[in-house]
Amino acid sequence: MRPSAVRLLNILVPVKRTVDYAVKIRVNPDQKGVDLNVKHSMNPFDEIAVEEAVRLREKLKGEVKSIKVVTIGPPKASETLRTALAMGADSAIHIEVPDSAPAPEPLSVAKALRAVIQKEKDNGGVDLVIMGKQAIDDDAGQTGQMLAGLMDWAQATFASKLVVDPKAKVADVTREIDGGLEEIKCRLPLVLTTDLRLNEPRYASLPNIMKAKKKPIQKLTPADLEVDLTPRLETLKVTEPPKRVGGGKVESVDELITKLKEAGITPVKS
């Protein structure tokens, strides 16, 4: 009896266009959000996710069939996809929304990703989703967990090491937790979110940047996926944190106590 062929891995990597990490954030005059007329780039945690997908293919050679990246965003988000393609992804999906559209919330993003995964069944399906553990603009850190719940898939969050065995259809994941490290074994399909220590993303070479311009980007809309990206929450007000007041030195403990009393700080009786 001829043995069945090993299923090749299809990897999906969601990425997000965010305000560049080096930009100083400023609140808009209407205090409804922050100034977005600044430099944008790929969310750093998502860069790690793209890098890990590419490294997996380098390790597993022919056992990875495709690496596809997906994003939700305005027309300029295609630049973020091109960056991922230059790093080594094969193709991309752009769920395009207007420039004026509010940022979608984690649950809406998870539902959109679920719809993408369902559409990918005709192309061999998705075996592994690798995504950043959070985005640096909202720091929600919820989308990966929600996607795993919606798909009823295994999940491994805050990953700092990943080893995949395509033949056994399992992944060994080392997670960053408060108490140190945790090692878990997951069955594929799997949703994995990346920690900073997983890898250091590569810089795209000029030849790969040129090749990325010819790689396909599929355009979709939320309506194509039958998802509603309308936010459920309303931002009432955004303000900057109070400016820090400079400190001072004291010559003795008595002077320190005097200054604490002047500041209205009194001892608590036990």
C-alpha atoms as a PDB file:
ATOM      1  CA  MET A   1       0.000   0.000   0.000  1.00  0.00           C
ATOM      2  CA  ARG A   2       1.452   3.357  -1.012  1.00  0.00           C
ATOM      3  CA  PRO A   3       1.891   5.762   1.950  1.00  0.00           C
ATOM      4  CA  SER A   4      -0.138   8.971   1.824  1.00  0.00           C
ATOM      5  CA  ALA A   5       1.730  12.160   0.996  1.00  0.00           C
ATOM      6  CA  VAL A   6       2.669  14.498   3.830  1.00  0.00           C
ATOM      7  CA  ARG A   7       0.473  17.581   3.874  1.00  0.00           C
ATOM      8  CA  LEU A   8       2.456  20.738   3.166  1.00  0.00           C
ATOM      9  CA  LEU A   9       2.033  23.623   5.592  1.00  0.00           C
ATOM     10  CA  ASN A  10       0.131  26.758   4.644  1.00  0.00           C
ATOM     11  CA  ILE A  11       0.990  29.650   6.953  1.00  0.00           C
ATOM     12  CA  LEU A  12      -1.094  32.804   7.396  1.00  0.00           C
ATOM     13  CA  VAL A  13       0.475  35.885   8.981  1.00  0.00           C
ATOM     14  CA  PRO A  14      -1.794  38.825   9.917  1.00  0.00           C
ATOM     15  CA  VAL A  15       0.047  42.168  10.016  1.00  0.00           C
ATOM     16  CA  LYS A  16      -0.953  45.690  10.985  1.00  0.00           C
ATOM     17  CA  ARG A  17       0.127  49.153   9.867  1.00  0.00           C
ATOM     18  CA  THR A  18       0.787  51.269  12.957  1.00  0.00           C
ATOM     19  CA  VAL A  19       2.405  54.573  13.851  1.00  0.00           C
ATOM     20  CA  ASP A  20       6.161  53.973  13.799  1.00  0.00           C
ATOM     21  CA  TYR A  21       7.580  53.049  17.207  1.00  0.00           C
ATOM     22  CA  ALA A  22      10.089  55.919  17.065  1.00  0.00           C
ATOM     23  CA  VAL A  23       7.435  58.628  16.542  1.00  0.00           C
ATOM     24  CA  LYS A  24       6.430  60.800  19.475  1.00  0.00           C
ATOM     25  CA  ILE A  25       2.677  60.365  19.915  1.00  0.00           C
ATOM     26  CA  ARG A  26       0.579  63.545  20.053  1.00  0.00           C
ATOM     27  CA  VAL A  27      -3.095  63.829  20.922  1.00  0.00           C
ATOM     28  CA  ASN A  28      -5.393  65.457  18.367  1.00  0.00           C
ATOM     29  CA  PRO A  29      -6.869  68.884  19.261  1.00  0.00           C
ATOM     30  CA  ASP A  30     -10.365  67.341  19.462  1.00  0.00           C
ATOM     31  CA  GLN A  31      -9.037  64.807  22.006  1.00  0.00           C
ATOM     32  CA  LYS A  32     -10.703  61.931  20.172  1.00  0.00           C
ATOM     33  CA  GLY A  33      -7.495  60.181  19.147  1.00  0.00           C
ATOM     34  CA  VAL A  34      -3.860  60.727  18.196  1.00  0.00           C
ATOM     35  CA  ASP A  35      -2.257  62.465  15.226  1.00  0.00           C
ATOM     36  CA  LEU A  36      -1.966  59.926  12.402  1.00  0.00           C
ATOM     37  CA  ASN A  37      -0.258  62.257   9.903  1.00  0.00           C
ATOM     38  CA  VAL A  38       3.114  60.784  10.851  1.00  0.00           C
ATOM     39  CA  LYS A  39       5.399  57.962   9.728  1.00  0.00           C
ATOM     40  CA  HIS A  40       3.827  54.481   9.801  1.00  0.00           C
ATOM     41  CA  SER A  41       5.420  51.053   9.636  1.00  0.00           C
ATOM     42  CA  MET A  42       4.633  47.405  10.324  1.00  0.00           C
ATOM     43  CA  ASN A  43       3.761  46.602  13.926  1.00  0.00           C
ATOM     44  CA  PRO A  44       7.067  45.282  15.423  1.00  0.00           C
ATOM     45  CA  PHE A  45       5.447  42.130  16.843  1.00  0.00           C
ATOM     46  CA  ASP A  46       4.067  41.365  13.376  1.00  0.00           C
ATOM     47  CA  GLU A  47       7.541  41.736  11.880  1.00  0.00           C
ATOM     48  CA  ILE A  48       8.626  38.981  14.258  1.00  0.00           C
ATOM     49  CA  ALA A  49       5.701  36.853  13.054  1.00  0.00           C
ATOM     50  CA  VAL A  50       6.686  37.274   9.385  1.00  0.00           C
ATOM     51  CA  GLU A  51      10.299  36.492  10.223  1.00  0.00           C
ATOM     52  CA  GLU A  52       9.317  33.306  12.076  1.00  0.00           C
ATOM     53  CA  ALA A  53       7.219  32.108   9.143  1.00  0.00           C
ATOM     54  CA  VAL A  54      10.151  32.643   6.766  1.00  0.00           C
ATOM     55  CA  ARG A  55      12.549  30.890   9.149  1.00  0.00           C
ATOM     56  CA  LEU A  56      10.170  27.945   9.387  1.00  0.00           C
ATOM     57  CA  ARG A  57      10.314  27.520   5.622  1.00  0.00           C
ATOM     58  CA  GLU A  58      14.115  27.752   5.702  1.00  0.00           C
ATOM     59  CA  LYS A  59      14.227  25.007   8.363  1.00  0.00           C
ATOM     60  CA  LEU A  60      11.543  22.737   6.913  1.00  0.00           C
ATOM     61  CA  LYS A  61      12.543  23.299   3.276  1.00  0.00           C
ATOM     62  CA  GLY A  62       9.850  21.889   0.994  1.00  0.00           C
ATOM     63  CA  GLU A  63       7.375  21.117   3.784  1.00  0.00           C
ATOM     64  CA  VAL A  64       6.041  24.704   3.795  1.00  0.00           C
ATOM     65  CA  LYS A  65       3.820  25.266   0.778  1.00  0.00           C
ATOM     66  CA  SER A  66       2.975  28.949   1.183  1.00  0.00           C
ATOM     67  CA  ILE A  67       3.304  31.987   3.431  1.00  0.00           C
ATOM     68  CA  LYS A  68       0.467  34.459   2.996  1.00  0.00           C
ATOM     69  CA  VAL A  69       0.156  37.786   4.816  1.00  0.00           C
ATOM     70  CA  VAL A  70      -3.101  39.637   5.433  1.00  0.00           C
ATOM     71  CA  THR A  71      -3.945  43.101   6.700  1.00  0.00           C
ATOM     72  CA  ILE A  72      -6.974  45.302   7.317  1.00  0.00           C
ATOM     73  CA  GLY A  73      -6.412  48.945   6.571  1.00  0.00           C
ATOM     74  CA  PRO A  74      -6.578  51.920   4.201  1.00  0.00           C
ATOM     75  CA  PRO A  75      -4.928  51.926   0.760  1.00  0.00           C
ATOM     76  CA  LYS A  76      -1.542  52.842   2.268  1.00  0.00           C
ATOM     77  CA  ALA A  77      -1.562  49.561   4.223  1.00  0.00           C
ATOM     78  CA  SER A  78      -0.451  47.890   0.988  1.00  0.00           C
ATOM     79  CA  GLU A  79       3.016  49.304   1.745  1.00  0.00           C
ATOM     80  CA  THR A  80       3.088  47.201   4.895  1.00  0.00           C
ATOM     81  CA  LEU A  81       2.182  44.131   2.854  1.00  0.00           C
ATOM     82  CA  ARG A  82       4.994  44.876   0.402  1.00  0.00           C
ATOM     83  CA  THR A  83       7.419  44.974   3.334  1.00  0.00           C
ATOM     84  CA  ALA A  84       6.258  41.512   4.435  1.00  0.00           C
ATOM     85  CA  LEU A  85       6.547  40.229   0.853  1.00  0.00           C
ATOM     86  CA  ALA A  86      10.085  41.589   0.645  1.00  0.00           C
ATOM     87  CA  MET A  87      10.943  39.719   3.851  1.00  0.00           C
ATOM     88  CA  GLY A  88       9.938  36.449   2.196  1.00  0.00           C
ATOM     89  CA  ALA A  89       6.159  36.003   2.156  1.00  0.00           C
ATOM     90  CA  ASP A  90       4.697  34.647  -1.092  1.00  0.00           C
ATOM     91  CA  SER A  91       1.428  36.554  -1.468  1.00  0.00           C
ATOM     92  CA  ALA A  92      -0.890  38.897   0.389  1.00  0.00           C
ATOM     93  CA  ILE A  93      -4.501  39.789   1.069  1.00  0.00           C
ATOM     94  CA  HIS A  94      -5.535  43.398   1.643  1.00  0.00           C
ATOM     95  CA  ILE A  95      -8.912  43.913   3.297  1.00  0.00           C
ATOM     96  CA  GLU A  96      -9.249  47.539   2.287  1.00  0.00           C
ATOM     97  CA  VAL A  97     -11.195  50.124   4.272  1.00  0.00           C
ATOM     98  CA  PRO A  98     -11.486  53.904   3.693  1.00  0.00           C
ATOM     99  CA  ASP A  99      -8.942  56.292   5.182  1.00  0.00           C
ATOM    100  CA  SER A 100     -11.708  57.790   7.301  1.00  0.00           C
ATOM    101  CA  ALA A 101     -12.808  54.433   8.743  1.00  0.00           C
ATOM    102  CA  PRO A 102     -12.209  53.939  12.485  1.00  0.00           C
ATOM    103  CA  ALA A 103      -9.736  51.258  13.523  1.00  0.00           C
ATOM    104  CA  PRO A 104     -11.473  47.880  13.870  1.00  0.00           C
ATOM    105  CA  GLU A 105     -11.624  46.273  17.296  1.00  0.00           C
ATOM    106  CA  PRO A 106      -9.987  42.897  18.105  1.00  0.00           C
ATOM    107  CA  LEU A 107     -13.194  40.844  17.851  1.00  0.00           C
ATOM    108  CA  SER A 108     -14.003  42.304  14.413  1.00  0.00           C
ATOM    109  CA  VAL A 109     -10.448  41.602  13.251  1.00  0.00           C
ATOM    110  CA  ALA A 110     -10.694  38.023  14.531  1.00  0.00           C
ATOM    111  CA  LYS A 111     -13.970  37.514  12.655  1.00  0.00           C
ATOM    112  CA  ALA A 112     -12.428  38.906   9.471  1.00  0.00           C
ATOM    113  CA  LEU A 113      -9.453  36.548   9.839  1.00  0.00           C
ATOM    114  CA  ARG A 114     -11.834  33.637  10.390  1.00  0.00           C
ATOM    115  CA  ALA A 115     -13.562  34.538   7.116  1.00  0.00           C
ATOM    116  CA  VAL A 116     -10.193  34.669   5.328  1.00  0.00           C
ATOM    117  CA  ILE A 117      -9.251  31.240   6.684  1.00  0.00           C
ATOM    118  CA  GLN A 118     -12.576  29.824   5.526  1.00  0.00           C
ATOM    119  CA  LYS A 119     -12.015  31.267   2.029  1.00  0.00           C
ATOM    120  CA  GLU A 120      -8.540  29.725   1.950  1.00  0.00           C
ATOM    121  CA  LYS A 121     -10.008  26.215   2.140  1.00  0.00           C
ATOM    122  CA  ASP A 122     -10.160  26.228  -1.666  1.00  0.00           C
ATOM    123  CA  ASN A 123      -6.388  26.899  -1.744  1.00  0.00           C
ATOM    124  CA  GLY A 124      -5.410  24.079   0.595  1.00  0.00           C
ATOM    125  CA  GLY A 125      -6.533  25.624   3.854  1.00  0.00           C
ATOM    126  CA  VAL A 126      -4.489  27.183   6.666  1.00  0.00           C
ATOM    127  CA  ASP A 127      -2.471  25.052   9.088  1.00  0.00           C
ATOM    128  CA  LEU A 128      -0.700  27.712  11.131  1.00  0.00           C
ATOM    129  CA  VAL A 129      -1.478  31.335  11.961  1.00  0.00           C
ATOM    130  CA  ILE A 130       1.490  33.310  13.297  1.00  0.00           C
ATOM    131  CA  MET A 131       0.711  36.818  14.520  1.00  0.00           C
ATOM    132  CA  GLY A 132       2.060  39.448  16.895  1.00  0.00           C
ATOM    133  CA  LYS A 133       0.930  39.130  20.496  1.00  0.00           C
ATOM    134  CA  GLN A 134      -0.272  42.746  20.401  1.00  0.00           C
ATOM    135  CA  ALA A 135      -0.156  45.936  18.347  1.00  0.00           C
ATOM    136  CA  ILE A 136       1.796  48.886  19.720  1.00  0.00           C
ATOM    137  CA  ASP A 137      -1.018  51.351  19.023  1.00  0.00           C
ATOM    138  CA  ASP A 138      -3.796  49.875  21.180  1.00  0.00           C
ATOM    139  CA  ASP A 139      -1.866  47.176  23.117  1.00  0.00           C
ATOM    140  CA  ALA A 140      -5.051  45.088  23.237  1.00  0.00           C
ATOM    141  CA  GLY A 141      -3.387  41.690  22.888  1.00  0.00           C
ATOM    142  CA  GLN A 142      -6.704  39.928  22.217  1.00  0.00           C
ATOM    143  CA  THR A 143      -7.018  39.106  18.525  1.00  0.00           C
ATOM    144  CA  GLY A 144      -5.016  35.862  18.521  1.00  0.00           C
ATOM    145  CA  GLN A 145      -6.933  34.393  21.443  1.00  0.00           C
ATOM    146  CA  MET A 146     -10.274  35.417  19.951  1.00  0.00           C
ATOM    147  CA  LEU A 147      -9.383  33.906  16.570  1.00  0.00           C
ATOM    148  CA  ALA A 148      -8.427  30.601  18.201  1.00  0.00           C
ATOM    149  CA  GLY A 149     -11.731  30.607  20.067  1.00  0.00           C
ATOM    150  CA  LEU A 150     -13.767  31.344  16.946  1.00  0.00           C
ATOM    151  CA  MET A 151     -11.962  28.612  14.981  1.00  0.00           C
ATOM    152  CA  ASP A 152     -11.864  26.132  17.891  1.00  0.00           C
ATOM    153  CA  TRP A 153      -8.132  25.724  17.241  1.00  0.00           C
ATOM    154  CA  ALA A 154      -5.210  25.223  19.583  1.00  0.00           C
ATOM    155  CA  GLN A 155      -3.485  28.417  20.700  1.00  0.00           C
ATOM    156  CA  ALA A 156      -0.034  29.286  22.030  1.00  0.00           C
ATOM    157  CA  THR A 157       0.504  32.888  23.125  1.00  0.00           C
ATOM    158  CA  PHE A 158       3.655  34.907  23.906  1.00  0.00           C
ATOM    159  CA  ALA A 159       5.866  32.376  22.103  1.00  0.00           C
ATOM    160  CA  SER A 160       9.646  32.701  22.420  1.00  0.00           C
ATOM    161  CA  LYS A 161      10.480  29.414  20.643  1.00  0.00           C
ATOM    162  CA  LEU A 162       8.658  27.362  18.019  1.00  0.00           C
ATOM    163  CA  VAL A 163       9.418  23.877  16.666  1.00  0.00           C
ATOM    164  CA  VAL A 164       6.969  22.390  14.139  1.00  0.00           C
ATOM    165  CA  ASP A 165       6.761  18.757  13.061  1.00  0.00           C
ATOM    166  CA  PRO A 166       4.620  18.717   9.877  1.00  0.00           C
ATOM    167  CA  LYS A 167       4.541  14.898   9.699  1.00  0.00           C
ATOM    168  CA  ALA A 168       3.140  14.514  13.213  1.00  0.00           C
ATOM    169  CA  LYS A 169       1.105  17.739  12.816  1.00  0.00           C
ATOM    170  CA  VAL A 170       2.270  19.077  16.167  1.00  0.00           C
ATOM    171  CA  ALA A 171       4.190  22.113  17.395  1.00  0.00           C
ATOM    172  CA  ASP A 172       6.343  22.466  20.498  1.00  0.00           C
ATOM    173  CA  VAL A 173       6.098  26.013  21.826  1.00  0.00           C
ATOM    174  CA  THR A 174       8.003  27.760  24.607  1.00  0.00           C
ATOM    175  CA  ARG A 175       5.946  30.565  26.145  1.00  0.00           C
ATOM    176  CA  GLU A 176       6.977  33.628  28.124  1.00  0.00           C
ATOM    177  CA  ILE A 177       5.009  33.707  31.400  1.00  0.00           C
ATOM    178  CA  ASP A 178       5.284  35.738  34.604  1.00  0.00           C
ATOM    179  CA  GLY A 179       7.039  32.897  36.418  1.00  0.00           C
ATOM    180  CA  GLY A 180       9.566  32.189  33.655  1.00  0.00           C
ATOM    181  CA  LEU A 181       9.036  29.830  30.707  1.00  0.00           C
ATOM    182  CA  GLU A 182       6.344  27.276  29.895  1.00  0.00           C
ATOM    183  CA  GLU A 183       6.667  24.520  27.282  1.00  0.00           C
ATOM    184  CA  ILE A 184       3.508  23.201  25.616  1.00  0.00           C
ATOM    185  CA  LYS A 185       2.741  20.815  22.757  1.00  0.00           C
ATOM    186  CA  CYS A 186      -0.057  21.801  20.362  1.00  0.00           C
ATOM    187  CA  ARG A 187      -1.784  20.004  17.527  1.00  0.00           C
ATOM    188  CA  LEU A 188      -2.155  21.752  14.196  1.00  0.00           C
ATOM    189  CA  PRO A 189      -4.040  23.818  13.139  1.00  0.00           C
ATOM    190  CA  LEU A 190      -2.662  26.369  15.580  1.00  0.00           C
ATOM    191  CA  VAL A 191      -2.847  30.090  16.324  1.00  0.00           C
ATOM    192  CA  LEU A 192       0.472  31.350  17.680  1.00  0.00           C
ATOM    193  CA  THR A 193       1.266  34.849  18.957  1.00  0.00           C
ATOM    194  CA  THR A 194       4.858  36.062  19.052  1.00  0.00           C
ATOM    195  CA  ASP A 195       6.914  37.463  21.898  1.00  0.00           C
ATOM    196  CA  LEU A 196       9.881  39.791  21.419  1.00  0.00           C
ATOM    197  CA  ARG A 197      12.410  37.039  22.179  1.00  0.00           C
ATOM    198  CA  LEU A 198      11.233  34.717  19.401  1.00  0.00           C
ATOM    199  CA  ASN A 199      13.638  36.151  16.832  1.00  0.00           C
ATOM    200  CA  GLU A 200      15.186  39.301  15.379  1.00  0.00           C
ATOM    201  CA  PRO A 201      13.568  40.255  12.051  1.00  0.00           C
ATOM    202  CA  ARG A 202      15.792  40.563   9.009  1.00  0.00           C
ATOM    203  CA  TYR A 203      16.170  43.617   6.822  1.00  0.00           C
ATOM    204  CA  ALA A 204      14.795  43.097   3.330  1.00  0.00           C
ATOM    205  CA  SER A 205      17.486  43.168   0.650  1.00  0.00           C
ATOM    206  CA  LEU A 206      17.159  45.411  -2.398  1.00  0.00           C
ATOM    207  CA  PRO A 207      16.642  42.456  -4.790  1.00  0.00           C
ATOM    208  CA  ASN A 208      13.859  41.098  -2.548  1.00  0.00           C
ATOM    209  CA  ILE A 209      12.257  44.548  -2.373  1.00  0.00           C
ATOM    210  CA  MET A 210      12.174  44.612  -6.178  1.00  0.00           C
ATOM    211  CA  LYS A 211      10.768  41.054  -6.328  1.00  0.00           C
ATOM    212  CA  ALA A 212       8.056  41.992  -3.823  1.00  0.00           C
ATOM    213  CA  LYS A 213       6.621  44.498  -6.287  1.00  0.00           C
ATOM    214  CA  LYS A 214       5.655  41.611  -8.579  1.00  0.00           C
ATOM    215  CA  LYS A 215       4.130  39.387  -5.888  1.00  0.00           C
ATOM    216  CA  PRO A 216       0.307  39.220  -5.889  1.00  0.00           C
ATOM    217  CA  ILE A 217      -1.871  41.194  -3.474  1.00  0.00           C
ATOM    218  CA  GLN A 218      -5.547  40.205  -3.446  1.00  0.00           C
ATOM    219  CA  LYS A 219      -7.936  43.061  -2.698  1.00  0.00           C
ATOM    220  CA  LEU A 220     -11.019  42.358  -0.594  1.00  0.00           C
ATOM    221  CA  THR A 221     -13.570  44.423   1.299  1.00  0.00           C
ATOM    222  CA  PRO A 222     -15.326  43.647   4.591  1.00  0.00           C
ATOM    223  CA  ALA A 223     -18.486  43.076   2.513  1.00  0.00           C
ATOM    224  CA  ASP A 224     -16.698  40.368   0.499  1.00  0.00           C
ATOM    225  CA  LEU A 225     -16.040  38.545   3.771  1.00  0.00           C
ATOM    226  CA  GLU A 226     -19.501  39.334   5.169  1.00  0.00           C
ATOM    227  CA  VAL A 227     -18.048  40.938   8.286  1.00  0.00           C
ATOM    228  CA  ASP A 228     -18.937  44.208  10.004  1.00  0.00           C
ATOM    229  CA  LEU A 229     -15.926  46.201  11.217  1.00  0.00           C
ATOM    230  CA  THR A 230     -17.997  48.925  12.905  1.00  0.00           C
ATOM    231  CA  PRO A 231     -16.578  49.519  16.409  1.00  0.00           C
ATOM    232  CA  ARG A 232     -18.771  48.670  19.374  1.00  0.00           C
ATOM    233  CA  LEU A 233     -16.936  51.063  21.669  1.00  0.00           C
ATOM    234  CA  GLU A 234     -16.853  54.863  21.518  1.00  0.00           C
ATOM    235  CA  THR A 235     -13.776  56.824  22.550  1.00  0.00           C
ATOM    236  CA  LEU A 236     -14.979  59.690  24.719  1.00  0.00           C
ATOM    237  CA  LYS A 237     -11.708  61.454  25.365  1.00  0.00           C
ATOM    238  CA  VAL A 238      -7.954  60.991  24.893  1.00  0.00           C
ATOM    239  CA  THR A 239      -5.510  63.036  26.954  1.00  0.00           C
ATOM    240  CA  GLU A 240      -1.779  63.060  27.438  1.00  0.00           C
ATOM    241  CA  PRO A 241      -0.420  61.928  30.823  1.00  0.00           C
ATOM    242  CA  PRO A 242       0.502  64.763  33.211  1.00  0.00           C
ATOM    243  CA  LYS A 243       4.011  66.082  32.790  1.00  0.00           C
ATOM    244  CA  ARG A 244       6.478  64.865  35.368  1.00  0.00           C
ATOM    245  CA  VAL A 245       7.679  67.401  37.920  1.00  0.00           C
ATOM    246  CA  GLY A 246      11.380  67.509  38.588  1.00  0.00           C
ATOM    247  CA  GLY A 247      12.640  66.015  41.839  1.00  0.00           C
ATOM    248  CA  GLY A 248      15.083  67.393  44.378  1.00  0.00           C
ATOM    249  CA  LYS A 249      17.729  66.268  46.844  1.00  0.00           C
ATOM    250  CA  VAL A 250      17.491  66.490  50.619  1.00  0.00           C
ATOM    251  CA  GLU A 251      20.338  66.669  53.116  1.00  0.00           C
ATOM    252  CA  SER A 252      18.804  64.588  55.890  1.00  0.00           C
ATOM    253  CA  VAL A 253      15.919  62.308  56.905  1.00  0.00           C
ATOM    254  CA  ASP A 254      14.383  65.130  58.910  1.00  0.00           C
ATOM    255  CA  GLU A 255      14.273  67.353  55.836  1.00  0.00           C
ATOM    256  CA  LEU A 256      12.712  64.502  53.847  1.00  0.00           C
ATOM    257  CA  ILE A 257       9.983  64.063  56.470  1.00  0.00           C
ATOM    258  CA  THR A 258       9.314  67.809  56.490  1.00  0.00           C
ATOM    259  CA  LYS A 259       8.923  67.887  52.694  1.00  0.00           C
ATOM    260  CA  LEU A 260       6.610  64.867  52.741  1.00  0.00           C
ATOM    261  CA  LYS A 261       4.388  66.596  55.301  1.00  0.00           C
ATOM    262  CA  GLU A 262       4.366  69.761  53.176  1.00  0.00           C
ATOM    263  CA  ALA A 263       3.214  67.638  50.235  1.00  0.00           C
ATOM    264  CA  GLY A 264       0.306  66.345  52.311  1.00  0.00           C
ATOM    265  CA  ILE A 265       1.738  62.868  52.826  1.00  0.00           C
ATOM    266  CA  THR A 266       1.091  61.653  56.377  1.00  0.00           C
ATOM    267  CA  PRO A 267       2.122  58.431  58.119  1.00  0.00           C
ATOM    268  CA  VAL A 268      -0.373  55.582  58.338  1.00  0.00           C
ATOM    269  CA  LYS A 269      -0.953  54.145  61.792  1.00  0.00           C
ATOM    270  CA  SER A 270      -0.771  50.362  61.882  1.00  0.00           C
END
